[in-house]
């Protein structure tokens, strides 16, 4: 699989070279693109001068966001709205920074309008978990050394 699967529209942008932080690309990522080309592209530029940066980023995402996704599942199951909102907010911020805009949007929905029952929450949580796996795989494609031995 090539990087074009994840960020086919990326090229150095004037915003990236000026040091300005990008917003989501004008073209929204396709369903098969878990990472926004503009935002993640800037991280790729940074990674060029920082050995191990992408591997560390991938591992931090896998562990930190993975824990928060699990916390959302528990919070919805137990009716813990505050815990749900906290975990969703954390995911939203982390994903926005990476350019995982689809996952950030799902977390934002959970944060802004928490489900009123577990049954109402499960479909959105399943979408969040599916998107998490897609983003995790995309990051590992750029930093395979960060993949746990069981997933390599």
Protein backbone atom coordinates (compact mmCIF):
# COMPACT_ATOMS: atom_id res chain seq x y z
CA UNK A 1 0.00 0.00 0.00
CA UNK A 2 1.37 3.41 -0.89
CA UNK A 3 1.10 6.71 0.89
CA UNK A 4 -1.27 7.83 -1.88
CA UNK A 5 -3.93 5.64 -0.27
CA UNK A 6 -3.89 7.90 2.76
CA UNK A 7 -2.88 11.33 1.47
CA UNK A 8 -3.01 11.38 -2.35
CA UNK A 9 -3.60 15.11 -2.64
CA UNK A 10 -0.70 16.19 -0.45
CA UNK A 11 1.92 18.56 -1.73
CA UNK A 12 3.81 21.22 0.16
CA UNK A 13 1.44 24.11 0.56
CA UNK A 14 2.22 27.79 1.01
CA UNK A 15 0.69 27.56 4.49
CA UNK A 16 2.98 24.68 5.38
CA UNK A 17 6.10 26.45 4.21
CA UNK A 18 5.13 29.65 6.03
CA UNK A 19 4.79 27.81 9.33
CA UNK A 20 1.05 28.50 9.55
CA UNK A 21 -1.05 25.68 10.89
CA UNK A 22 -3.38 24.29 8.26
CA UNK A 23 -7.06 23.68 8.59
CA UNK A 24 -8.78 20.73 6.97
CA UNK A 25 -8.13 20.54 3.24
CA UNK A 26 -10.58 22.19 0.94
CA UNK A 27 -11.25 18.70 -0.35
CA UNK A 28 -12.56 16.52 2.46
CA UNK A 29 -10.83 13.16 2.84
CA UNK A 30 -12.58 10.34 1.04
CA UNK A 31 -13.95 7.46 3.09
CA UNK A 32 -10.80 5.49 2.26
CA UNK A 33 -8.58 8.36 3.47
CA UNK A 34 -8.47 8.43 7.23
CA UNK A 35 -5.94 11.29 7.30
CA UNK A 36 -6.51 14.77 5.87
CA UNK A 37 -3.81 15.47 3.27
CA UNK A 38 -3.17 19.06 4.34
CA UNK A 39 -2.87 18.47 8.06
CA UNK A 40 -1.04 15.15 7.93
CA UNK A 41 1.17 16.49 5.17
CA UNK A 42 2.59 19.08 7.54
CA UNK A 43 3.38 16.29 10.01
CA UNK A 44 5.18 14.42 7.23
CA UNK A 45 7.28 17.51 6.55
CA UNK A 46 8.18 17.70 10.23
CA UNK A 47 8.99 14.00 10.31
CA UNK A 48 11.54 14.38 7.51
CA UNK A 49 13.91 16.08 9.94
CA UNK A 50 13.03 14.10 13.05
CA UNK A 51 14.00 10.43 13.01
CA UNK A 52 11.49 8.31 14.88
CA UNK A 53 8.85 11.06 14.98
CA UNK A 54 6.21 9.12 13.04
CA UNK A 55 6.87 5.93 14.97
CA UNK A 56 6.40 7.79 18.25
CA UNK A 57 3.31 9.58 16.96
CA UNK A 58 1.79 6.29 15.81
CA UNK A 59 2.48 4.62 19.14
CA UNK A 60 1.09 7.55 21.14
CA UNK A 61 -2.06 7.50 19.02
CA UNK A 62 -2.47 3.74 19.36
CA UNK A 63 -2.10 3.78 23.12
CA UNK A 64 -3.61 7.11 24.14
CA UNK A 65 -6.53 7.33 21.76
CA UNK A 66 -7.09 3.59 22.04
CA UNK A 67 -7.59 4.01 25.80
CA UNK A 68 -10.01 6.88 25.23
CA UNK A 69 -12.04 4.87 22.71
CA UNK A 70 -12.34 2.08 25.30
CA UNK A 71 -13.30 4.67 27.95
CA UNK A 72 -16.12 5.90 25.71
CA UNK A 73 -17.51 2.39 25.39
CA UNK A 74 -17.46 1.96 29.18
CA UNK A 75 -18.94 5.43 29.78
CA UNK A 76 -21.84 4.86 27.40
CA UNK A 77 -22.53 1.44 28.91
CA UNK A 78 -22.61 2.86 32.43
CA UNK A 79 -24.40 6.12 31.67
CA UNK A 80 -21.35 8.22 32.64
CA UNK A 81 -22.02 11.34 30.55
CA UNK A 82 -19.15 13.32 32.08
CA UNK A 83 -16.68 10.50 31.38
CA UNK A 84 -18.01 10.17 27.83
CA UNK A 85 -17.65 13.89 27.16
CA UNK A 86 -14.13 13.98 28.62
CA UNK A 87 -12.92 11.03 26.51
CA UNK A 88 -14.66 12.32 23.36
CA UNK A 89 -13.11 15.77 23.84
CA UNK A 90 -9.66 14.21 24.21
CA UNK A 91 -10.11 12.13 21.05
CA UNK A 92 -11.47 15.10 19.14
CA UNK A 93 -8.38 17.17 19.92
CA UNK A 94 -5.86 14.42 19.22
CA UNK A 95 -7.49 13.51 15.94
CA UNK A 96 -7.77 17.12 14.83
CA UNK A 97 -4.05 17.56 15.37
CA UNK A 98 -3.25 14.50 13.26
CA UNK A 99 -5.71 15.26 10.50
CA UNK A 100 -7.99 12.34 11.37
CA UNK A 101 -10.96 14.57 10.60
CA UNK A 102 -13.56 11.80 10.24
CA UNK A 103 -12.71 10.39 13.63
CA UNK A 104 -12.62 13.89 15.15
CA UNK A 105 -16.11 14.56 13.77
CA UNK A 106 -17.51 11.37 15.31
CA UNK A 107 -15.91 12.20 18.66
CA UNK A 108 -17.34 15.69 18.37
CA UNK A 109 -20.84 14.31 17.91
CA UNK A 110 -20.39 12.18 21.03
CA UNK A 111 -19.09 15.16 22.99
CA UNK A 112 -21.67 17.69 21.81
CA UNK A 113 -24.72 15.42 21.93
CA UNK A 114 -24.01 12.42 24.18
CA UNK A 115 -26.33 9.47 23.56
CA UNK A 116 -29.18 9.18 26.03
CA UNK A 117 -28.93 5.39 26.23
CA UNK A 118 -26.40 2.67 25.43
CA UNK A 119 -28.58 1.48 22.56
CA UNK A 120 -28.52 4.96 21.03
CA UNK A 121 -24.74 5.18 21.46
CA UNK A 122 -23.52 1.85 20.11
CA UNK A 123 -23.81 2.63 16.37
CA UNK A 124 -21.76 5.80 16.76
CA UNK A 125 -19.22 4.03 18.97
CA UNK A 126 -18.86 1.27 16.37
CA UNK A 127 -18.18 3.94 13.72
CA UNK A 128 -15.61 5.55 16.05
CA UNK A 129 -13.87 2.19 16.57
CA UNK A 130 -13.85 1.48 12.83
CA UNK A 131 -12.38 4.90 12.12
CA UNK A 132 -9.81 4.42 14.90
CA UNK A 133 -8.60 1.22 13.23
CA UNK A 134 -8.36 2.96 9.84
CA UNK A 135 -6.32 5.83 11.28
CA UNK A 136 -4.12 3.44 13.26
CA UNK A 137 -3.39 1.43 10.09
CA UNK A 138 -2.66 4.61 8.14
CA UNK A 139 -0.17 5.76 10.75
CA UNK A 140 1.49 2.35 10.84
CA UNK A 141 1.86 2.47 7.05
CA UNK A 142 4.05 5.56 7.54
CA UNK A 143 5.82 4.23 10.63
CA UNK A 144 5.84 0.42 10.45
CA UNK A 145 8.45 0.19 13.21
CA UNK A 146 5.81 1.37 15.67
CA UNK A 147 3.48 -1.53 14.88
CA UNK A 148 3.28 -4.06 17.72
CA UNK A 149 4.78 -7.44 16.77
CA UNK A 150 1.33 -9.05 16.67
CA UNK A 151 0.17 -6.51 14.05
CA UNK A 152 3.31 -6.21 11.91
